[in-house]
Amino acid sequence: MTLFPKIVDRRMLLGGGILIVATIITLGPLGAWLTPQQQWAAGLILVAIGFWAGQVLPDAVVALIFMCSVMITGIARPEQAFAGFLSGANWLIFSGIVVGLGIRHVGLNQRMAALMLAFAPRRYELTVLAAGLAAFAAAFVIPSSMGRIVILVPIAVALADALGYRPGDPGRTGIVLTVGAAAYFPSFGILPAGLPNVIIYGAAESLYGLRFTYGEWLLLNGPVVGLLKTLILIASALVLFRPLPRDAARETVTGSIAVSDFDAGQRRLLVVLGLTIALWASDAWHGISPAWIGLGAACLLVFPGLNLTPKDPFKALDLAPFFYVAGVLGIGAVVAETGLGAVTARHLIDLFSMQAGEPHLALVKLIAMAFILALFFTIAAAPAVFGPLAGQLAEATGLPLDIVLSSQLIGITSMVFPYQGPPLVVAALLGGVGMGATLRFCLLQGLLSLILMSMAQIGWWSLLGRLG
């Protein structure tokens, strides 16, 4: 009897408020700016993004409701409503789900835990540095952000325990948040490793016919969004969370941890992952899309007889992210199909005074735009709003389309509130970290990222000759 009122108070009231606002947008006095088709699109998109941001319903359910509503109202063609299922980007998500299942099935996550614990440094600063860099490196092997968090955060907790940092110790908080954040944000610099990347990749491919290669994305975004972001996360944790004094006996706990050899299943999985990464890295040479390389790896992992996944892998797969991304990509397609993106772009261009001839200033404005969108729509959904606008923003600023699309990564990774990035909230919950500490960490790393990464990215792209 106590659970139902809580659901009503929190989720249903929030959902009801979102539906009221969406109804006003759909039926209200916006006809001077929007056509009836665009009003319906705006209302449905507001409901979808609002429900995702507020966690009113499960993400996959919201995605299915959105696609169903688009078809019922007839505001877009079926190929637009279901564009996400036709996009290679969503098959990157599917391959990441299968890889995560394989890693858990063969126990590679436990082997990674043993390795990290065996070689963990005893000094706190070095531990945080090593843990952050290791979490970033894991993005090259484990394509799913949530998969990395589920695998690495328990390892971080075990590492903190082994080194003597107990629950409530700021040192433990620093290690857990560093690992959780470094498993999430820096992966945006690696094409298949983050959900926003996949959405941007899908928008570029489906809306503009632009296909990023693995190497191009890594060159454009890896040094700043990947490595520099990792260092900012590590520095933020070291500034905010200083450990309490520990017993000397606890500092030597990890010395007794033994690391056995990889078994046959783990070696086979490492071979598949190694080949997959090699093919991703060389896609500019062979021309095969990263999505189909990932799908090929998934086919190998579920192939009977290799024993790299459970006997009936499709019963064990969590396909909710697959449907969620399909819904997000469908939003981008509907925005473009209805012309809502063009209308929004015109207003944003006027608001931010976008104009050609000032590439550095234009880039700062694009980053600020993405930062604001992420505040309202969360990190995962902001690229779905930004993507359909990128073509007109590129025309207005004179910047290359791939630079405009990539510029949003700085804005969305400069996250200042936990609600913007649910995976980090999951990491904090798994690690037993309170929301107060998580909020302080988000505010510091977000503001540092917005300033330092903006300057660094402008400098890096200027060095590459991409800003004119």
Protein backbone atom coordinates (compact mmCIF):
# COMPACT_ATOMS: atom_id res chain seq x y z
CA MET A 1 0.00 0.00 0.00
CA THR A 2 2.96 2.36 0.51
CA LEU A 3 4.58 1.77 -2.87
CA PHE A 4 1.68 2.92 -5.08
CA PRO A 5 1.40 6.48 -3.64
CA LYS A 6 5.16 6.96 -4.12
CA ILE A 7 4.83 6.04 -7.78
CA VAL A 8 1.92 8.44 -8.14
CA ASP A 9 3.72 11.29 -6.37
CA ARG A 10 6.96 11.06 -8.29
CA ARG A 11 6.57 9.49 -11.70
CA MET A 12 2.93 9.85 -12.59
CA LEU A 13 2.70 13.48 -11.50
CA LEU A 14 5.84 14.28 -13.49
CA GLY A 15 4.48 12.37 -16.47
CA GLY A 16 1.12 14.15 -16.17
CA GLY A 17 2.84 17.54 -16.14
CA ILE A 18 4.85 16.66 -19.23
CA LEU A 19 1.69 15.50 -21.02
CA ILE A 20 -0.09 18.76 -20.17
CA VAL A 21 2.78 20.85 -21.56
CA ALA A 22 2.96 18.64 -24.65
CA THR A 23 -0.79 19.04 -25.20
CA ILE A 24 -0.48 22.82 -25.00
CA ILE A 25 2.33 22.70 -27.57
CA THR A 26 0.36 20.38 -29.82
CA LEU A 27 -2.98 22.20 -29.66
CA GLY A 28 -1.93 25.63 -28.44
CA PRO A 29 -1.24 28.91 -30.23
CA LEU A 30 1.96 27.93 -32.04
CA GLY A 31 0.39 27.92 -35.50
CA ALA A 32 2.14 31.18 -36.37
CA TRP A 33 5.50 29.41 -36.18
CA LEU A 34 4.73 25.72 -36.71
CA THR A 35 2.53 23.73 -39.06
CA PRO A 36 0.05 21.26 -37.49
CA GLN A 37 2.41 18.42 -38.43
CA GLN A 38 5.31 20.18 -36.69
CA GLN A 39 3.18 20.87 -33.63
CA TRP A 40 2.34 17.18 -33.31
CA ALA A 41 6.00 16.30 -33.78
CA ALA A 42 7.08 18.82 -31.13
CA GLY A 43 4.51 17.48 -28.65
CA LEU A 44 5.48 13.83 -29.16
CA ILE A 45 9.20 14.62 -28.94
CA LEU A 46 8.68 16.60 -25.73
CA VAL A 47 6.82 13.66 -24.19
CA ALA A 48 9.54 11.19 -25.21
CA ILE A 49 12.47 13.30 -24.01
CA GLY A 50 10.65 14.38 -20.85
CA PHE A 51 9.75 10.80 -19.96
CA TRP A 52 13.35 9.72 -20.57
CA ALA A 53 14.78 12.55 -18.50
CA GLY A 54 12.34 11.96 -15.65
CA GLN A 55 12.47 8.17 -15.87
CA VAL A 56 8.66 8.16 -15.91
CA LEU A 57 8.63 4.87 -17.84
CA PRO A 58 11.40 2.46 -18.89
CA ASP A 59 13.49 3.90 -21.74
CA ALA A 60 12.60 1.14 -24.22
CA VAL A 61 8.87 1.51 -23.48
CA VAL A 62 9.04 5.25 -24.16
CA ALA A 63 10.84 4.59 -27.45
CA LEU A 64 8.18 2.13 -28.58
CA ILE A 65 5.37 4.49 -27.57
CA PHE A 66 7.00 7.30 -29.55
CA MET A 67 7.36 5.20 -32.70
CA CYS A 68 3.79 3.92 -32.34
CA SER A 69 2.45 7.47 -31.86
CA VAL A 70 4.28 8.71 -34.95
CA MET A 71 2.60 6.01 -37.01
CA ILE A 72 -0.86 6.61 -35.51
CA THR A 73 -0.72 10.37 -36.08
CA GLY A 74 0.81 9.94 -39.55
CA ILE A 75 3.28 12.82 -39.12
CA ALA A 76 6.10 10.85 -40.75
CA ARG A 77 6.62 7.87 -43.02
CA PRO A 78 7.31 4.42 -41.53
CA GLU A 79 10.91 4.51 -42.77
CA GLN A 80 11.42 7.68 -40.72
CA ALA A 81 9.63 6.49 -37.58
CA PHE A 82 11.64 3.26 -37.61
CA ALA A 83 14.85 4.79 -38.98
CA GLY A 84 16.75 3.64 -35.90
CA PHE A 85 16.32 -0.02 -36.82
CA LEU A 86 17.76 0.68 -40.28
CA SER A 87 20.74 2.60 -38.96
CA GLY A 88 24.14 1.01 -38.58
CA ALA A 89 24.51 3.02 -35.37
CA ASN A 90 21.93 0.89 -33.57
CA TRP A 91 23.70 -2.29 -34.62
CA LEU A 92 26.80 -0.95 -32.88
CA ILE A 93 24.69 -0.91 -29.72
CA PHE A 94 23.54 -4.47 -30.38
CA SER A 95 27.12 -5.66 -30.84
CA GLY A 96 28.10 -3.93 -27.60
CA ILE A 97 25.33 -5.76 -25.75
CA VAL A 98 26.56 -9.10 -27.11
CA VAL A 99 30.20 -8.32 -26.27
CA GLY A 100 29.21 -7.42 -22.71
CA LEU A 101 27.32 -10.71 -22.39
CA GLY A 102 30.36 -12.62 -23.66
CA ILE A 103 32.71 -10.88 -21.25
CA ARG A 104 30.52 -11.81 -18.30
CA HIS A 105 29.96 -15.37 -19.56
CA VAL A 106 33.65 -16.27 -19.86
CA GLY A 107 34.57 -14.42 -16.65
CA LEU A 108 36.82 -11.87 -18.33
CA ASN A 109 35.48 -9.20 -15.97
CA GLN A 110 36.70 -11.19 -12.98
CA ARG A 111 40.10 -11.68 -14.62
CA MET A 112 40.35 -7.93 -15.16
CA ALA A 113 39.50 -7.39 -11.50
CA ALA A 114 42.26 -9.74 -10.41
CA LEU A 115 44.79 -8.00 -12.64
CA MET A 116 43.89 -4.53 -11.38
CA LEU A 117 44.01 -5.64 -7.76
CA ALA A 118 47.33 -7.42 -8.19
CA PHE A 119 49.11 -4.45 -9.75
CA ALA A 120 47.34 -1.60 -7.98
CA PRO A 121 49.72 1.05 -6.62
CA ARG A 122 49.64 1.68 -2.88
CA ARG A 123 49.68 5.49 -3.03
CA TYR A 124 46.22 7.10 -3.35
CA GLU A 125 47.13 9.56 -6.08
CA LEU A 126 48.70 6.84 -8.21
CA THR A 127 45.73 4.54 -7.58
CA VAL A 128 43.26 7.16 -8.84
CA LEU A 129 45.48 7.90 -11.85
CA ALA A 130 45.88 4.22 -12.76
CA ALA A 131 42.17 3.47 -12.21
CA GLY A 132 41.05 6.40 -14.37
CA LEU A 133 43.40 5.54 -17.23
CA ALA A 134 42.44 1.86 -17.04
CA ALA A 135 38.71 2.74 -17.21
CA PHE A 136 39.37 4.91 -20.26
CA ALA A 137 41.42 2.15 -21.91
CA ALA A 138 38.56 -0.29 -21.33
CA ALA A 139 36.48 1.74 -23.82
CA PHE A 140 38.65 0.34 -26.61
CA VAL A 141 37.67 -3.21 -25.62
CA ILE A 142 34.15 -2.96 -24.15
CA PRO A 143 31.89 -0.92 -26.45
CA SER A 144 29.01 -0.34 -24.03
CA SER A 145 29.27 2.47 -21.44
CA MET A 146 26.83 0.77 -19.10
CA GLY A 147 28.62 -2.53 -19.65
CA ARG A 148 31.92 -0.96 -18.62
CA ILE A 149 30.35 0.58 -15.55
CA VAL A 150 28.72 -2.67 -14.46
CA ILE A 151 32.05 -4.47 -14.92
CA LEU A 152 34.49 -1.86 -13.59
CA VAL A 153 32.70 -0.24 -10.65
CA PRO A 154 32.59 -3.48 -8.60
CA ILE A 155 36.30 -3.80 -9.42
CA ALA A 156 36.83 -0.26 -8.10
CA VAL A 157 34.96 -1.12 -4.91
CA ALA A 158 37.09 -4.24 -4.46
CA LEU A 159 40.20 -2.16 -5.10
CA ALA A 160 39.18 0.42 -2.50
CA ASP A 161 38.45 -2.34 0.04
CA ALA A 162 41.79 -4.03 -0.63
CA LEU A 163 43.66 -0.76 -0.17
CA GLY A 164 41.90 0.01 3.10
CA TYR A 165 39.33 2.63 2.02
CA ARG A 166 36.10 1.74 3.79
CA PRO A 167 32.54 3.01 3.06
CA GLY A 168 32.33 6.72 3.82
CA ASP A 169 36.05 7.28 3.28
CA PRO A 170 36.61 10.10 0.72
CA GLY A 171 39.39 7.98 -0.77
CA ARG A 172 36.89 5.28 -1.63
CA THR A 173 34.54 7.89 -3.11
CA GLY A 174 37.37 9.28 -5.25
CA ILE A 175 38.30 5.88 -6.66
CA VAL A 176 34.70 4.86 -7.42
CA LEU A 177 33.69 8.15 -9.07
CA THR A 178 36.91 8.28 -11.09
CA VAL A 179 36.32 4.80 -12.46
CA GLY A 180 32.61 5.38 -13.09
CA ALA A 181 33.14 8.72 -14.82
CA ALA A 182 36.21 7.58 -16.80
CA ALA A 183 34.26 4.54 -18.00
CA TYR A 184 31.58 6.91 -19.33
CA PHE A 185 32.64 10.38 -20.52
CA PRO A 186 36.02 9.80 -22.25
CA SER A 187 34.50 7.02 -24.35
CA PHE A 188 32.78 9.74 -26.39
CA GLY A 189 36.14 10.17 -28.10
CA ILE A 190 36.02 6.58 -29.41
CA LEU A 191 33.40 5.95 -32.10
CA PRO A 192 31.70 2.68 -31.02
CA ALA A 193 32.18 3.21 -27.29
CA GLY A 194 29.53 5.76 -26.28
CA LEU A 195 25.82 6.17 -26.89
CA PRO A 196 26.05 9.87 -27.95
CA ASN A 197 28.71 8.91 -30.50
CA VAL A 198 26.43 6.28 -31.96
CA ILE A 199 23.53 8.75 -32.19
CA ILE A 200 25.75 11.37 -33.86
CA TYR A 201 27.12 8.71 -36.22
CA GLY A 202 23.58 7.63 -37.08
CA ALA A 203 22.42 11.21 -37.69
CA ALA A 204 25.44 11.95 -39.89
CA GLU A 205 24.83 8.81 -41.94
CA SER A 206 21.03 8.96 -42.26
CA LEU A 207 20.50 12.73 -42.55
CA TYR A 208 23.60 13.90 -44.41
CA GLY A 209 25.17 10.85 -46.03
CA LEU A 210 28.33 11.47 -43.97
CA ARG A 211 30.02 8.38 -42.53
CA PHE A 212 32.69 8.82 -39.91
CA THR A 213 35.44 6.24 -39.88
CA TYR A 214 36.87 4.91 -36.63
CA GLY A 215 40.20 6.59 -37.30
CA GLU A 216 38.70 9.95 -38.27
CA TRP A 217 36.58 10.08 -35.12
CA LEU A 218 39.52 9.11 -32.93
CA LEU A 219 41.76 11.75 -34.53
CA LEU A 220 39.16 14.51 -34.20
CA ASN A 221 37.96 13.74 -30.69
CA GLY A 222 40.23 11.23 -28.96
CA PRO A 223 42.99 13.54 -27.68
CA VAL A 224 40.63 16.08 -26.05
CA VAL A 225 37.30 14.33 -25.40
CA GLY A 226 39.13 11.11 -24.53
CA LEU A 227 42.52 11.68 -22.89
CA LEU A 228 42.19 15.26 -21.62
CA LYS A 229 38.73 14.52 -20.22
CA THR A 230 40.17 11.53 -18.34
CA LEU A 231 42.87 13.72 -16.80
CA ILE A 232 40.26 16.32 -15.78
CA LEU A 233 38.22 13.61 -14.06
CA ILE A 234 41.28 12.33 -12.21
CA ALA A 235 42.28 15.85 -11.13
CA SER A 236 38.75 16.62 -9.94
CA ALA A 237 38.66 13.48 -7.78
CA LEU A 238 42.06 14.26 -6.28
CA VAL A 239 41.03 17.83 -5.43
CA LEU A 240 37.67 16.92 -3.90
CA PHE A 241 38.34 13.61 -2.15
CA ARG A 242 41.35 13.25 0.12
CA PRO A 243 41.51 9.87 1.90
CA LEU A 244 41.44 9.32 5.64
CA PRO A 245 44.51 7.78 7.31
CA ARG A 246 44.70 4.01 6.81
CA ASP A 247 46.11 1.15 8.83
CA ALA A 248 49.46 0.01 7.45
CA ALA A 249 48.26 -3.61 7.42
CA ARG A 250 45.45 -2.76 5.04
CA GLU A 251 47.84 -1.24 2.53
CA THR A 252 49.44 -4.62 1.91
CA VAL A 253 46.25 -6.58 1.27
CA THR A 254 46.70 -6.65 -2.50
CA GLY A 255 50.14 -8.20 -2.24
CA SER A 256 48.66 -11.66 -1.66
CA ILE A 257 46.37 -11.58 -4.71
CA ALA A 258 47.40 -14.12 -7.33
CA VAL A 259 46.61 -13.84 -11.04
CA SER A 260 46.21 -17.12 -12.88
CA ASP A 261 46.50 -17.55 -16.64
CA PHE A 262 43.57 -16.77 -18.92
CA ASP A 263 41.50 -19.86 -19.70
CA ALA A 264 40.62 -21.02 -23.22
CA GLY A 265 37.29 -19.17 -23.42
CA GLN A 266 38.85 -15.90 -22.27
CA ARG A 267 41.67 -16.26 -24.81
CA ARG A 268 39.17 -16.89 -27.63
CA LEU A 269 37.16 -13.83 -26.62
CA LEU A 270 40.31 -11.70 -26.48
CA VAL A 271 41.19 -12.86 -30.02
CA VAL A 272 37.73 -11.84 -31.28
CA LEU A 273 37.97 -8.48 -29.52
CA GLY A 274 41.49 -7.91 -30.85
CA LEU A 275 40.42 -8.62 -34.43
CA THR A 276 37.37 -6.39 -34.04
CA ILE A 277 39.43 -3.47 -32.76
CA ALA A 278 41.99 -3.97 -35.53
CA LEU A 279 39.24 -3.88 -38.17
CA TRP A 280 37.68 -0.81 -36.57
CA ALA A 281 41.03 0.97 -36.55
CA SER A 282 41.66 0.18 -40.23
CA ASP A 283 38.18 0.92 -41.60
CA ALA A 284 39.50 3.86 -43.62
CA TRP A 285 41.54 1.29 -45.57
CA HIS A 286 39.02 -1.54 -46.08
CA GLY A 287 35.85 0.60 -46.13
CA ILE A 288 33.67 -1.68 -43.99
CA SER A 289 31.37 0.23 -41.65
CA PRO A 290 32.19 -0.07 -37.91
CA ALA A 291 28.57 -1.18 -37.41
CA TRP A 292 28.97 -4.24 -39.62
CA ILE A 293 32.33 -5.10 -38.09
CA GLY A 294 30.67 -5.05 -34.68
CA LEU A 295 27.77 -7.14 -35.96
CA GLY A 296 30.24 -9.67 -37.37
CA ALA A 297 31.91 -9.91 -33.96
CA ALA A 298 28.49 -10.43 -32.35
CA CYS A 299 27.76 -13.25 -34.82
CA LEU A 300 31.00 -14.96 -33.81
CA LEU A 301 30.23 -14.61 -30.11
CA VAL A 302 26.79 -16.21 -30.40
CA PHE A 303 27.93 -18.91 -32.83
CA PRO A 304 27.14 -22.39 -31.38
CA GLY A 305 30.14 -24.40 -30.28
CA LEU A 306 32.48 -21.51 -29.45
CA ASN A 307 30.96 -21.24 -25.95
CA LEU A 308 31.59 -17.48 -25.77
CA THR A 309 28.00 -16.76 -24.71
CA PRO A 310 25.30 -18.81 -22.94
CA LYS A 311 23.68 -21.69 -24.85
CA ASP A 312 20.62 -19.57 -25.59
CA PRO A 313 22.19 -16.10 -25.80
CA PHE A 314 19.10 -14.27 -27.02
CA LYS A 315 17.27 -15.10 -23.81
CA ALA A 316 20.13 -13.56 -21.83
CA LEU A 317 20.49 -10.37 -23.90
CA ASP A 318 19.15 -7.11 -22.49
CA LEU A 319 17.85 -5.48 -25.68
CA ALA A 320 16.32 -2.43 -23.97
CA PRO A 321 19.22 -0.16 -25.11
CA PHE A 322 18.68 -1.36 -28.69
CA PHE A 323 15.06 -0.14 -28.69
CA TYR A 324 16.00 3.02 -26.80
CA VAL A 325 18.57 4.05 -29.42
CA ALA A 326 16.08 3.21 -32.19
CA GLY A 327 13.65 5.66 -30.60
CA VAL A 328 16.29 8.38 -30.21
CA LEU A 329 17.38 8.03 -33.83
CA GLY A 330 13.72 8.03 -34.86
CA ILE A 331 13.33 11.43 -33.18
CA GLY A 332 16.11 12.83 -35.35
CA ALA A 333 14.50 11.43 -38.49
CA VAL A 334 11.07 12.82 -37.55
CA VAL A 335 12.55 16.24 -36.75
CA ALA A 336 14.12 16.33 -40.20
CA GLU A 337 11.09 14.87 -42.02
CA THR A 338 8.57 17.33 -40.55
CA GLY A 339 10.78 20.39 -41.01
CA LEU A 340 10.84 21.00 -37.25
CA GLY A 341 14.63 20.91 -37.33
CA ALA A 342 14.80 23.68 -39.92
CA VAL A 343 12.50 25.92 -37.86
CA THR A 344 14.48 25.27 -34.66
CA ALA A 345 17.76 25.86 -36.45
CA ARG A 346 16.64 29.24 -37.72
CA HIS A 347 15.70 30.38 -34.22
CA LEU A 348 18.93 29.07 -32.67
CA ILE A 349 21.03 30.64 -35.40
CA ASP A 350 19.34 33.97 -34.70
CA LEU A 351 19.60 33.52 -30.92
CA PHE A 352 23.33 32.72 -31.00
CA SER A 353 24.04 35.12 -33.90
CA MET A 354 25.71 32.38 -35.93
CA GLN A 355 27.66 33.72 -38.89
CA ALA A 356 30.51 32.69 -41.15
CA GLY A 357 34.01 34.13 -40.96
CA GLU A 358 34.53 33.66 -37.20
CA PRO A 359 35.29 29.93 -36.81
CA HIS A 360 36.65 30.08 -33.24
CA LEU A 361 33.75 32.16 -31.94
CA ALA A 362 31.26 30.02 -33.85
CA LEU A 363 32.73 26.89 -32.28
CA VAL A 364 32.38 28.37 -28.79
CA LYS A 365 28.72 29.13 -29.54
CA LEU A 366 28.10 25.59 -30.82
CA ILE A 367 29.63 24.16 -27.65
CA ALA A 368 27.45 26.47 -25.53
CA MET A 369 24.38 25.39 -27.51
CA ALA A 370 25.13 21.71 -26.90
CA PHE A 371 25.79 22.42 -23.21
CA ILE A 372 22.36 24.06 -22.85
CA LEU A 373 20.61 21.27 -24.77
CA ALA A 374 22.20 18.68 -22.47
CA LEU A 375 20.90 20.56 -19.42
CA PHE A 376 17.33 20.21 -20.67
CA PHE A 377 17.42 16.96 -22.63
CA THR A 378 20.22 14.94 -20.88
CA ILE A 379 23.40 13.74 -22.53
CA ALA A 380 21.81 10.83 -24.36
CA ALA A 381 18.94 12.80 -25.92
CA ALA A 382 20.71 16.10 -26.72
CA PRO A 383 22.45 14.72 -29.86
CA ALA A 384 19.03 13.70 -31.22
CA VAL A 385 18.01 17.37 -31.05
CA PHE A 386 21.34 18.79 -32.23
CA GLY A 387 21.88 16.35 -35.11
CA PRO A 388 19.05 17.49 -37.41
CA LEU A 389 20.19 21.11 -36.92
CA ALA A 390 23.82 20.45 -37.83
CA GLY A 391 23.45 20.92 -41.58
CA GLN A 392 22.05 24.43 -41.29
CA LEU A 393 24.44 25.29 -38.48
CA ALA A 394 27.32 24.27 -40.74
CA GLU A 395 25.98 26.52 -43.51
CA ALA A 396 25.53 29.45 -41.14
CA THR A 397 28.98 29.16 -39.53
CA GLY A 398 30.98 28.01 -42.55
CA LEU A 399 32.45 25.17 -40.48
CA PRO A 400 32.76 21.63 -41.90
CA LEU A 401 29.80 19.39 -41.08
CA ASP A 402 31.92 16.83 -39.23
CA ILE A 403 33.32 19.59 -37.00
CA VAL A 404 29.83 20.92 -36.24
CA LEU A 405 28.61 17.43 -35.35
CA SER A 406 31.69 16.74 -33.20
CA SER A 407 31.55 20.11 -31.42
CA GLN A 408 28.57 19.00 -29.34
CA LEU A 409 30.72 16.41 -27.56
CA ILE A 410 32.46 19.14 -25.55
CA GLY A 411 29.14 20.62 -24.49
CA ILE A 412 27.46 17.38 -23.49
CA THR A 413 30.49 15.91 -21.67
CA SER A 414 30.70 19.07 -19.54
CA MET A 415 27.92 17.63 -17.37
CA VAL A 416 27.25 19.60 -14.18
CA PHE A 417 24.23 17.75 -12.74
CA PRO A 418 23.96 13.98 -12.15
CA TYR A 419 20.52 13.65 -13.80
CA GLN A 420 22.12 14.55 -17.15
CA GLY A 421 24.07 11.28 -17.27
CA PRO A 422 22.19 8.28 -15.81
CA PRO A 423 25.19 5.92 -16.26
CA LEU A 424 27.20 8.00 -13.76
CA VAL A 425 24.29 7.81 -11.31
CA VAL A 426 24.29 4.03 -11.76
CA ALA A 427 28.04 3.98 -11.08
CA ALA A 428 27.56 6.00 -7.88
CA LEU A 429 24.77 3.71 -6.70
CA LEU A 430 26.80 0.57 -7.47
CA GLY A 431 29.75 2.02 -5.57
CA GLY A 432 27.74 3.23 -2.59
CA VAL A 433 28.54 6.91 -3.25
CA GLY A 434 26.03 9.53 -2.12
CA MET A 435 24.43 12.02 -4.50
CA GLY A 436 25.97 14.94 -2.61
CA ALA A 437 29.50 13.79 -3.41
CA THR A 438 28.43 12.94 -6.96
CA LEU A 439 26.99 16.44 -7.44
CA ARG A 440 30.18 18.13 -6.19
CA PHE A 441 32.23 15.97 -8.53
CA CYS A 442 29.94 16.77 -11.48
CA LEU A 443 30.05 20.52 -10.86
CA LEU A 444 33.84 20.68 -10.64
CA GLN A 445 34.68 18.41 -13.54
CA GLY A 446 31.89 19.91 -15.66
CA LEU A 447 33.07 23.51 -15.28
CA LEU A 448 36.72 22.54 -15.76
CA SER A 449 35.79 20.55 -18.86
CA LEU A 450 33.74 23.35 -20.37
CA ILE A 451 36.65 25.79 -20.07
CA LEU A 452 39.73 23.61 -20.64
CA MET A 453 38.31 21.25 -23.25
CA SER A 454 36.82 24.08 -25.30
CA MET A 455 40.19 25.81 -25.52
CA ALA A 456 42.04 22.55 -26.15
CA GLN A 457 39.63 21.41 -28.87
CA ILE A 458 39.83 24.73 -30.69
CA GLY A 459 43.63 24.49 -30.55
CA TRP A 460 43.67 20.86 -31.69
CA TRP A 461 41.33 21.39 -34.62
CA SER A 462 43.26 24.52 -35.61
CA LEU A 463 46.45 22.44 -35.57
CA LEU A 464 44.75 19.91 -37.84
CA GLY A 465 43.74 22.73 -40.19
CA ARG A 466 40.01 22.05 -39.79
CA LEU A 467 38.94 25.56 -38.72
CA GLY A 468 40.29 27.45 -41.69
